[in-house]
Amino acid sequence: MKKTGIAFRTAGTLAATAALTLALGGCAGPDTTAPSAVRAQAATDVQAARYGTVDCREAKCIALTFDAGPSEHSARLLDILKERQVPATFFLLGKRHIEKYPELVRRMADEGHEVASHTWEHKILTRLRPEEIREELERPNQEIERLTGRRPTLIRPPQGRTDDTVHEICRELGLAEVLWSVTAKDYKTTDSDLITRRVLAQASRDGIILLHDIYDGTVPAVPGIIDALKERGYVFVTVPQLLAPGKAEPGKVYR
């Protein structure tokens, strides 16, 4: 697994840096909808989210999300989240991850986390033909549904790269795309303190925090991130709960 993480980092660092700039940089990125806008558009009589009773119209909510697992670090991460009673959203990779750690996928679902897709092989969707995009999206969905009994409704496109073709295929498959508003760039460092500082410097209400539980420095940073944000009055929720009483709509992009 460590070799997988190293390869993921080495092959993707330069491209990921460019993609993060694209996805977070404004006009060059896709049109996105903020969690507060989803909540405002929801019917007033719709009740709270799937997990828990937090109402993010009132509470100062923030979402922890983890990409590219499960990995050898994920069991420890789940222990931390359980101990601190924090739900998270996991965008899982298929090849060498879901297929290698099926018991962790089941555990994520059993412990109340949102289990979502990060594609099968981390291919850049905007470079693929439509049939290849469908393959990248369908394979993890089928495996996650087989393991958990629930088909994913959320997808995070690799490197945040998406376009109209990806939106349309996601709509057909019942998937909404979720980007992020906070990134620690943990693919570039093993310094857990630096990862913590980067997250805390960017955190704000309705934030969607991007981390990767495949890298050595990330999971050790999580307790400090959680404790510091709780001290600031944040309540941790899954992405669906962040949007509640609204709901992510297939084919749309949220950040």
C-alpha atoms as a PDB file:
ATOM      1  CA  MET A   1       0.000   0.000   0.000  1.00  0.00           C
ATOM      2  CA  LYS A   2       2.856   2.361   0.741  1.00  0.00           C
ATOM      3  CA  LYS A   3       4.139   1.842  -2.799  1.00  0.00           C
ATOM      4  CA  THR A   4       0.692   2.755  -4.097  1.00  0.00           C
ATOM      5  CA  GLY A   5       0.667   5.968  -2.078  1.00  0.00           C
ATOM      6  CA  ILE A   6       4.167   6.924  -3.236  1.00  0.00           C
ATOM      7  CA  ALA A   7       3.299   6.268  -6.859  1.00  0.00           C
ATOM      8  CA  PHE A   8       0.081   8.226  -6.485  1.00  0.00           C
ATOM      9  CA  ARG A   9       2.045  11.173  -5.080  1.00  0.00           C
ATOM     10  CA  THR A  10       4.922  11.042  -7.562  1.00  0.00           C
ATOM     11  CA  ALA A  11       2.759  10.702 -10.638  1.00  0.00           C
ATOM     12  CA  GLY A  12       0.170  13.184  -9.576  1.00  0.00           C
ATOM     13  CA  THR A  13       1.841  16.022  -7.713  1.00  0.00           C
ATOM     14  CA  LEU A  14       2.439  18.411 -10.608  1.00  0.00           C
ATOM     15  CA  ALA A  15      -0.875  17.633 -12.267  1.00  0.00           C
ATOM     16  CA  ALA A  16      -2.722  17.832  -8.972  1.00  0.00           C
ATOM     17  CA  THR A  17      -1.232  21.218  -8.194  1.00  0.00           C
ATOM     18  CA  ALA A  18      -2.444  22.560 -11.516  1.00  0.00           C
ATOM     19  CA  ALA A  19      -5.824  20.967 -11.019  1.00  0.00           C
ATOM     20  CA  LEU A  20      -6.254  22.441  -7.571  1.00  0.00           C
ATOM     21  CA  THR A  21      -5.568  25.860  -9.028  1.00  0.00           C
ATOM     22  CA  LEU A  22      -8.162  25.184 -11.709  1.00  0.00           C
ATOM     23  CA  ALA A  23     -10.775  23.845  -9.319  1.00  0.00           C
ATOM     24  CA  LEU A  24     -10.314  26.516  -6.669  1.00  0.00           C
ATOM     25  CA  GLY A  25      -9.311  29.464  -8.774  1.00  0.00           C
ATOM     26  CA  GLY A  26     -12.618  30.939  -9.837  1.00  0.00           C
ATOM     27  CA  CYS A  27     -13.632  31.612 -13.410  1.00  0.00           C
ATOM     28  CA  ALA A  28     -11.602  28.778 -14.968  1.00  0.00           C
ATOM     29  CA  GLY A  29     -13.372  26.157 -12.881  1.00  0.00           C
ATOM     30  CA  PRO A  30     -16.835  24.625 -13.169  1.00  0.00           C
ATOM     31  CA  ASP A  31     -19.984  26.319 -11.964  1.00  0.00           C
ATOM     32  CA  THR A  32     -20.531  25.162  -8.407  1.00  0.00           C
ATOM     33  CA  THR A  33     -23.253  25.425  -5.792  1.00  0.00           C
ATOM     34  CA  ALA A  34     -22.477  26.264  -2.171  1.00  0.00           C
ATOM     35  CA  PRO A  35     -23.991  24.252   0.719  1.00  0.00           C
ATOM     36  CA  SER A  36     -25.802  27.327   2.031  1.00  0.00           C
ATOM     37  CA  ALA A  37     -27.528  27.761  -1.338  1.00  0.00           C
ATOM     38  CA  VAL A  38     -28.728  24.154  -1.289  1.00  0.00           C
ATOM     39  CA  ARG A  39     -30.141  24.587   2.196  1.00  0.00           C
ATOM     40  CA  ALA A  40     -31.846  27.850   1.266  1.00  0.00           C
ATOM     41  CA  GLN A  41     -33.564  26.261  -1.728  1.00  0.00           C
ATOM     42  CA  ALA A  42     -34.944  23.338   0.278  1.00  0.00           C
ATOM     43  CA  ALA A  43     -38.553  23.117   1.376  1.00  0.00           C
ATOM     44  CA  THR A  44     -38.989  24.462   4.876  1.00  0.00           C
ATOM     45  CA  ASP A  45     -40.716  21.321   6.131  1.00  0.00           C
ATOM     46  CA  VAL A  46     -37.911  18.963   5.110  1.00  0.00           C
ATOM     47  CA  GLN A  47     -36.274  17.462   8.162  1.00  0.00           C
ATOM     48  CA  ALA A  48     -32.604  16.934   9.056  1.00  0.00           C
ATOM     49  CA  ALA A  49     -30.009  14.894   7.191  1.00  0.00           C
ATOM     50  CA  ARG A  50     -29.446  11.158   6.990  1.00  0.00           C
ATOM     51  CA  TYR A  51     -27.009  11.086   9.890  1.00  0.00           C
ATOM     52  CA  GLY A  52     -27.598  12.753  13.234  1.00  0.00           C
ATOM     53  CA  THR A  53     -29.727  15.703  14.183  1.00  0.00           C
ATOM     54  CA  VAL A  54     -27.448  18.653  13.392  1.00  0.00           C
ATOM     55  CA  ASP A  55     -29.153  21.489  11.536  1.00  0.00           C
ATOM     56  CA  CYS A  56     -26.489  23.331   9.537  1.00  0.00           C
ATOM     57  CA  ARG A  57     -28.868  26.248   9.016  1.00  0.00           C
ATOM     58  CA  GLU A  58     -28.189  26.988  12.675  1.00  0.00           C
ATOM     59  CA  ALA A  59     -24.938  25.202  13.541  1.00  0.00           C
ATOM     60  CA  LYS A  60     -21.463  26.156  12.353  1.00  0.00           C
ATOM     61  CA  CYS A  61     -20.886  23.050  10.243  1.00  0.00           C
ATOM     62  CA  ILE A  62     -17.824  21.769   8.443  1.00  0.00           C
ATOM     63  CA  ALA A  63     -17.192  18.510   6.554  1.00  0.00           C
ATOM     64  CA  LEU A  64     -14.118  16.304   6.681  1.00  0.00           C
ATOM     65  CA  THR A  65     -13.594  14.390   3.441  1.00  0.00           C
ATOM     66  CA  PHE A  66     -10.926  11.833   2.578  1.00  0.00           C
ATOM     67  CA  ASP A  67      -9.895  10.841  -0.937  1.00  0.00           C
ATOM     68  CA  ALA A  68      -8.212   7.827  -2.525  1.00  0.00           C
ATOM     69  CA  GLY A  69      -8.587   5.229   0.241  1.00  0.00           C
ATOM     70  CA  PRO A  70      -9.082   2.838   1.833  1.00  0.00           C
ATOM     71  CA  SER A  71      -5.449   2.290   2.748  1.00  0.00           C
ATOM     72  CA  GLU A  72      -3.259   0.844   5.475  1.00  0.00           C
ATOM     73  CA  HIS A  73      -3.922   4.069   7.429  1.00  0.00           C
ATOM     74  CA  SER A  74      -7.711   3.965   7.248  1.00  0.00           C
ATOM     75  CA  ALA A  75      -8.345   1.693  10.235  1.00  0.00           C
ATOM     76  CA  ARG A  76      -6.490   4.102  12.510  1.00  0.00           C
ATOM     77  CA  LEU A  77      -8.406   7.006  10.996  1.00  0.00           C
ATOM     78  CA  LEU A  78     -11.704   5.260  11.693  1.00  0.00           C
ATOM     79  CA  ASP A  79     -10.606   4.680  15.288  1.00  0.00           C
ATOM     80  CA  ILE A  80      -9.912   8.415  15.671  1.00  0.00           C
ATOM     81  CA  LEU A  81     -13.243   9.421  14.155  1.00  0.00           C
ATOM     82  CA  LYS A  82     -15.120   6.953  16.350  1.00  0.00           C
ATOM     83  CA  GLU A  83     -13.345   8.114  19.493  1.00  0.00           C
ATOM     84  CA  ARG A  84     -14.158  11.750  18.764  1.00  0.00           C
ATOM     85  CA  GLN A  85     -17.652  10.996  17.406  1.00  0.00           C
ATOM     86  CA  VAL A  86     -16.949  12.711  14.091  1.00  0.00           C
ATOM     87  CA  PRO A  87     -18.606  11.594  10.834  1.00  0.00           C
ATOM     88  CA  ALA A  88     -16.700  11.949   7.570  1.00  0.00           C
ATOM     89  CA  THR A  89     -17.214  11.463   3.853  1.00  0.00           C
ATOM     90  CA  PHE A  90     -14.935   8.975   2.106  1.00  0.00           C
ATOM     91  CA  PHE A  91     -14.384   9.236  -1.650  1.00  0.00           C
ATOM     92  CA  LEU A  92     -12.976   5.802  -2.368  1.00  0.00           C
ATOM     93  CA  LEU A  93     -10.806   4.477  -5.174  1.00  0.00           C
ATOM     94  CA  GLY A  94     -11.549   1.081  -6.644  1.00  0.00           C
ATOM     95  CA  LYS A  95      -8.418  -0.548  -7.957  1.00  0.00           C
ATOM     96  CA  ARG A  96      -5.930  -1.520  -5.217  1.00  0.00           C
ATOM     97  CA  HIS A  97      -8.122   0.183  -2.603  1.00  0.00           C
ATOM     98  CA  ILE A  98     -11.769  -0.936  -2.427  1.00  0.00           C
ATOM     99  CA  GLU A  99     -10.740  -4.310  -3.824  1.00  0.00           C
ATOM    100  CA  LYS A 100      -7.873  -4.623  -1.304  1.00  0.00           C
ATOM    101  CA  TYR A 101      -9.684  -3.400   1.829  1.00  0.00           C
ATOM    102  CA  PRO A 102     -13.346  -4.436   1.513  1.00  0.00           C
ATOM    103  CA  GLU A 103     -13.700  -4.796   5.282  1.00  0.00           C
ATOM    104  CA  LEU A 104     -12.798  -1.126   5.734  1.00  0.00           C
ATOM    105  CA  VAL A 105     -15.438  -0.079   3.213  1.00  0.00           C
ATOM    106  CA  ARG A 106     -18.020  -1.998   5.230  1.00  0.00           C
ATOM    107  CA  ARG A 107     -16.750  -0.481   8.453  1.00  0.00           C
ATOM    108  CA  MET A 108     -16.999   3.054   7.073  1.00  0.00           C
ATOM    109  CA  ALA A 109     -20.646   2.505   6.223  1.00  0.00           C
ATOM    110  CA  ASP A 110     -21.430   0.650   9.449  1.00  0.00           C
ATOM    111  CA  GLU A 111     -19.977   3.473  11.561  1.00  0.00           C
ATOM    112  CA  GLY A 112     -22.146   6.140   9.940  1.00  0.00           C
ATOM    113  CA  HIS A 113     -19.774   7.693   7.422  1.00  0.00           C
ATOM    114  CA  GLU A 114     -20.806   8.646   3.912  1.00  0.00           C
ATOM    115  CA  VAL A 115     -19.208   6.272   1.401  1.00  0.00           C
ATOM    116  CA  ALA A 116     -18.772   7.849  -2.027  1.00  0.00           C
ATOM    117  CA  SER A 117     -16.702   7.360  -5.179  1.00  0.00           C
ATOM    118  CA  HIS A 118     -13.379   8.718  -6.401  1.00  0.00           C
ATOM    119  CA  THR A 119     -13.509   6.541  -9.576  1.00  0.00           C
ATOM    120  CA  TRP A 120     -11.934   3.150 -10.188  1.00  0.00           C
ATOM    121  CA  GLU A 121      -8.391   3.995 -11.346  1.00  0.00           C
ATOM    122  CA  HIS A 122      -8.099   7.754 -10.714  1.00  0.00           C
ATOM    123  CA  LYS A 123      -8.157   8.522 -14.421  1.00  0.00           C
ATOM    124  CA  ILE A 124      -8.749  12.148 -15.380  1.00  0.00           C
ATOM    125  CA  LEU A 125     -12.342  12.046 -16.543  1.00  0.00           C
ATOM    126  CA  THR A 126     -12.080  15.005 -18.919  1.00  0.00           C
ATOM    127  CA  ARG A 127      -9.514  13.063 -20.986  1.00  0.00           C
ATOM    128  CA  LEU A 128     -11.730  10.012 -21.478  1.00  0.00           C
ATOM    129  CA  ARG A 129     -14.353   8.986 -23.988  1.00  0.00           C
ATOM    130  CA  PRO A 130     -17.918   8.846 -22.632  1.00  0.00           C
ATOM    131  CA  GLU A 131     -17.906   5.052 -22.384  1.00  0.00           C
ATOM    132  CA  GLU A 132     -14.636   5.195 -20.438  1.00  0.00           C
ATOM    133  CA  ILE A 133     -16.093   7.774 -18.050  1.00  0.00           C
ATOM    134  CA  ARG A 134     -19.041   5.480 -17.386  1.00  0.00           C
ATOM    135  CA  GLU A 135     -16.668   2.595 -16.673  1.00  0.00           C
ATOM    136  CA  GLU A 136     -14.676   4.698 -14.184  1.00  0.00           C
ATOM    137  CA  LEU A 137     -17.859   5.710 -12.378  1.00  0.00           C
ATOM    138  CA  GLU A 138     -19.855   2.493 -12.518  1.00  0.00           C
ATOM    139  CA  ARG A 139     -17.246   0.016 -11.273  1.00  0.00           C
ATOM    140  CA  PRO A 140     -16.709   1.582  -7.817  1.00  0.00           C
ATOM    141  CA  ASN A 141     -20.442   2.192  -7.468  1.00  0.00           C
ATOM    142  CA  GLN A 142     -21.150  -1.490  -8.048  1.00  0.00           C
ATOM    143  CA  GLU A 143     -18.498  -2.610  -5.586  1.00  0.00           C
ATOM    144  CA  ILE A 144     -19.539  -0.144  -2.892  1.00  0.00           C
ATOM    145  CA  GLU A 145     -23.173  -1.183  -3.264  1.00  0.00           C
ATOM    146  CA  ARG A 146     -22.194  -4.847  -3.057  1.00  0.00           C
ATOM    147  CA  LEU A 147     -20.210  -4.254   0.138  1.00  0.00           C
ATOM    148  CA  THR A 148     -22.498  -1.784   1.912  1.00  0.00           C
ATOM    149  CA  GLY A 149     -25.944  -2.316   0.414  1.00  0.00           C
ATOM    150  CA  ARG A 150     -26.102   1.339  -0.612  1.00  0.00           C
ATOM    151  CA  ARG A 151     -25.210   2.800  -3.995  1.00  0.00           C
ATOM    152  CA  PRO A 152     -23.132   6.004  -3.834  1.00  0.00           C
ATOM    153  CA  THR A 153     -24.796   9.266  -4.771  1.00  0.00           C
ATOM    154  CA  LEU A 154     -21.630  11.405  -4.632  1.00  0.00           C
ATOM    155  CA  ILE A 155     -18.479  11.423  -6.749  1.00  0.00           C
ATOM    156  CA  ARG A 156     -15.299  13.467  -6.457  1.00  0.00           C
ATOM    157  CA  PRO A 157     -13.656  13.681  -9.885  1.00  0.00           C
ATOM    158  CA  PRO A 158      -9.891  13.071  -9.768  1.00  0.00           C
ATOM    159  CA  GLN A 159      -7.958  16.338  -9.407  1.00  0.00           C
ATOM    160  CA  GLY A 160     -11.308  18.145  -9.438  1.00  0.00           C
ATOM    161  CA  ARG A 161     -11.372  18.003 -13.230  1.00  0.00           C
ATOM    162  CA  THR A 162     -14.807  17.946 -14.760  1.00  0.00           C
ATOM    163  CA  ASP A 163     -16.751  19.260 -17.732  1.00  0.00           C
ATOM    164  CA  ASP A 164     -20.183  19.159 -19.347  1.00  0.00           C
ATOM    165  CA  THR A 165     -19.747  15.590 -20.553  1.00  0.00           C
ATOM    166  CA  VAL A 166     -18.846  14.421 -17.055  1.00  0.00           C
ATOM    167  CA  HIS A 167     -21.826  16.334 -15.629  1.00  0.00           C
ATOM    168  CA  GLU A 168     -24.215  14.673 -18.058  1.00  0.00           C
ATOM    169  CA  ILE A 169     -22.938  11.156 -17.395  1.00  0.00           C
ATOM    170  CA  CYS A 170     -23.050  11.791 -13.644  1.00  0.00           C
ATOM    171  CA  ARG A 171     -26.650  12.912 -14.047  1.00  0.00           C
ATOM    172  CA  GLU A 172     -27.499   9.710 -15.916  1.00  0.00           C
ATOM    173  CA  LEU A 173     -25.873   7.626 -13.167  1.00  0.00           C
ATOM    174  CA  GLY A 174     -27.486   9.518 -10.285  1.00  0.00           C
ATOM    175  CA  LEU A 175     -24.262  11.114  -9.071  1.00  0.00           C
ATOM    176  CA  ALA A 176     -23.564  14.633  -7.820  1.00  0.00           C
ATOM    177  CA  GLU A 177     -19.998  15.945  -7.952  1.00  0.00           C
ATOM    178  CA  VAL A 178     -18.361  17.292  -4.797  1.00  0.00           C
ATOM    179  CA  LEU A 179     -15.231  19.453  -4.848  1.00  0.00           C
ATOM    180  CA  TRP A 180     -13.669  21.178  -1.829  1.00  0.00           C
ATOM    181  CA  SER A 181     -12.993  24.562  -0.263  1.00  0.00           C
ATOM    182  CA  VAL A 182     -10.080  23.633   2.026  1.00  0.00           C
ATOM    183  CA  THR A 183      -6.970  21.755   0.936  1.00  0.00           C
ATOM    184  CA  ALA A 184      -3.897  20.888   3.003  1.00  0.00           C
ATOM    185  CA  LYS A 185      -1.985  19.706  -0.082  1.00  0.00           C
ATOM    186  CA  ASP A 186      -1.067  16.662   1.964  1.00  0.00           C
ATOM    187  CA  TYR A 187       0.150  14.938  -1.201  1.00  0.00           C
ATOM    188  CA  LYS A 188       3.198  17.247  -1.010  1.00  0.00           C
ATOM    189  CA  THR A 189       4.263  16.818   2.629  1.00  0.00           C
ATOM    190  CA  THR A 190       4.531  14.304   5.448  1.00  0.00           C
ATOM    191  CA  ASP A 191       4.619  17.103   8.051  1.00  0.00           C
ATOM    192  CA  SER A 192       1.486  16.555  10.144  1.00  0.00           C
ATOM    193  CA  ASP A 193       1.833  19.899  11.904  1.00  0.00           C
ATOM    194  CA  LEU A 194       1.974  21.698   8.555  1.00  0.00           C
ATOM    195  CA  ILE A 195      -1.107  19.816   7.347  1.00  0.00           C
ATOM    196  CA  THR A 196      -2.941  20.869  10.510  1.00  0.00           C
ATOM    197  CA  ARG A 197      -1.922  24.510  10.140  1.00  0.00           C
ATOM    198  CA  ARG A 198      -3.005  24.631   6.501  1.00  0.00           C
ATOM    199  CA  VAL A 199      -6.450  23.253   7.295  1.00  0.00           C
ATOM    200  CA  LEU A 200      -6.990  25.583  10.254  1.00  0.00           C
ATOM    201  CA  ALA A 201      -5.889  28.618   8.237  1.00  0.00           C
ATOM    202  CA  GLN A 202      -8.511  27.951   5.544  1.00  0.00           C
ATOM    203  CA  ALA A 203     -11.405  26.579   7.603  1.00  0.00           C
ATOM    204  CA  SER A 204     -14.702  28.456   7.572  1.00  0.00           C
ATOM    205  CA  ARG A 205     -18.367  27.698   8.007  1.00  0.00           C
ATOM    206  CA  ASP A 206     -19.708  25.240   5.404  1.00  0.00           C
ATOM    207  CA  GLY A 207     -16.147  24.269   4.548  1.00  0.00           C
ATOM    208  CA  ILE A 208     -15.422  21.004   2.747  1.00  0.00           C
ATOM    209  CA  ILE A 209     -11.952  19.839   3.815  1.00  0.00           C
ATOM    210  CA  LEU A 210      -9.948  17.714   1.373  1.00  0.00           C
ATOM    211  CA  LEU A 211      -7.494  15.217   2.892  1.00  0.00           C
ATOM    212  CA  HIS A 212      -6.058  11.879   1.740  1.00  0.00           C
ATOM    213  CA  ASP A 213      -5.816   8.943   4.118  1.00  0.00           C
ATOM    214  CA  ILE A 214      -3.217   7.271   1.872  1.00  0.00           C
ATOM    215  CA  TYR A 215      -0.343   9.522   2.935  1.00  0.00           C
ATOM    216  CA  ASP A 216       1.801   9.016   6.017  1.00  0.00           C
ATOM    217  CA  GLY A 217       1.424  12.532   7.433  1.00  0.00           C
ATOM    218  CA  THR A 218      -2.335  12.921   7.112  1.00  0.00           C
ATOM    219  CA  VAL A 219      -3.980  10.640   9.663  1.00  0.00           C
ATOM    220  CA  PRO A 220      -1.666  11.807  12.503  1.00  0.00           C
ATOM    221  CA  ALA A 221      -2.866  15.356  11.767  1.00  0.00           C
ATOM    222  CA  VAL A 222      -6.546  14.519  12.106  1.00  0.00           C
ATOM    223  CA  PRO A 223      -6.887  14.581  15.935  1.00  0.00           C
ATOM    224  CA  GLY A 224      -5.378  18.059  16.124  1.00  0.00           C
ATOM    225  CA  ILE A 225      -7.579  19.311  13.295  1.00  0.00           C
ATOM    226  CA  ILE A 226     -10.708  17.973  14.958  1.00  0.00           C
ATOM    227  CA  ASP A 227      -9.860  19.274  18.414  1.00  0.00           C
ATOM    228  CA  ALA A 228      -8.911  22.751  17.187  1.00  0.00           C
ATOM    229  CA  LEU A 229     -12.009  23.148  15.035  1.00  0.00           C
ATOM    230  CA  LYS A 230     -14.276  21.928  17.828  1.00  0.00           C
ATOM    231  CA  GLU A 231     -12.716  24.564  20.075  1.00  0.00           C
ATOM    232  CA  ARG A 232     -13.684  27.142  17.454  1.00  0.00           C
ATOM    233  CA  GLY A 233     -17.284  25.989  17.645  1.00  0.00           C
ATOM    234  CA  TYR A 234     -17.458  23.847  14.511  1.00  0.00           C
ATOM    235  CA  VAL A 235     -19.712  20.810  14.228  1.00  0.00           C
ATOM    236  CA  PHE A 236     -18.519  18.015  11.960  1.00  0.00           C
ATOM    237  CA  VAL A 237     -20.983  16.560   9.453  1.00  0.00           C
ATOM    238  CA  THR A 238     -21.012  14.460   6.308  1.00  0.00           C
ATOM    239  CA  VAL A 239     -21.465  16.196   2.962  1.00  0.00           C
ATOM    240  CA  PRO A 240     -25.155  15.169   2.699  1.00  0.00           C
ATOM    241  CA  GLN A 241     -25.783  16.546   6.175  1.00  0.00           C
ATOM    242  CA  LEU A 242     -23.993  19.769   5.237  1.00  0.00           C
ATOM    243  CA  LEU A 243     -26.543  20.248   2.456  1.00  0.00           C
ATOM    244  CA  ALA A 244     -29.611  19.249   4.492  1.00  0.00           C
ATOM    245  CA  PRO A 245     -32.487  19.864   4.442  1.00  0.00           C
ATOM    246  CA  GLY A 246     -31.532  20.214   0.782  1.00  0.00           C
ATOM    247  CA  LYS A 247     -30.088  17.389  -1.249  1.00  0.00           C
ATOM    248  CA  ALA A 248     -27.348  17.044  -3.846  1.00  0.00           C
ATOM    249  CA  GLU A 249     -28.779  16.874  -7.352  1.00  0.00           C
ATOM    250  CA  PRO A 250     -27.244  14.460  -9.876  1.00  0.00           C
ATOM    251  CA  GLY A 251     -25.218  16.205 -12.556  1.00  0.00           C
ATOM    252  CA  LYS A 252     -24.488  19.272 -10.439  1.00  0.00           C
ATOM    253  CA  VAL A 253     -21.233  20.294  -8.754  1.00  0.00           C
ATOM    254  CA  TYR A 254     -20.976  21.337  -5.104  1.00  0.00           C
ATOM    255  CA  ARG A 255     -18.252  23.142  -3.179  1.00  0.00           C
END
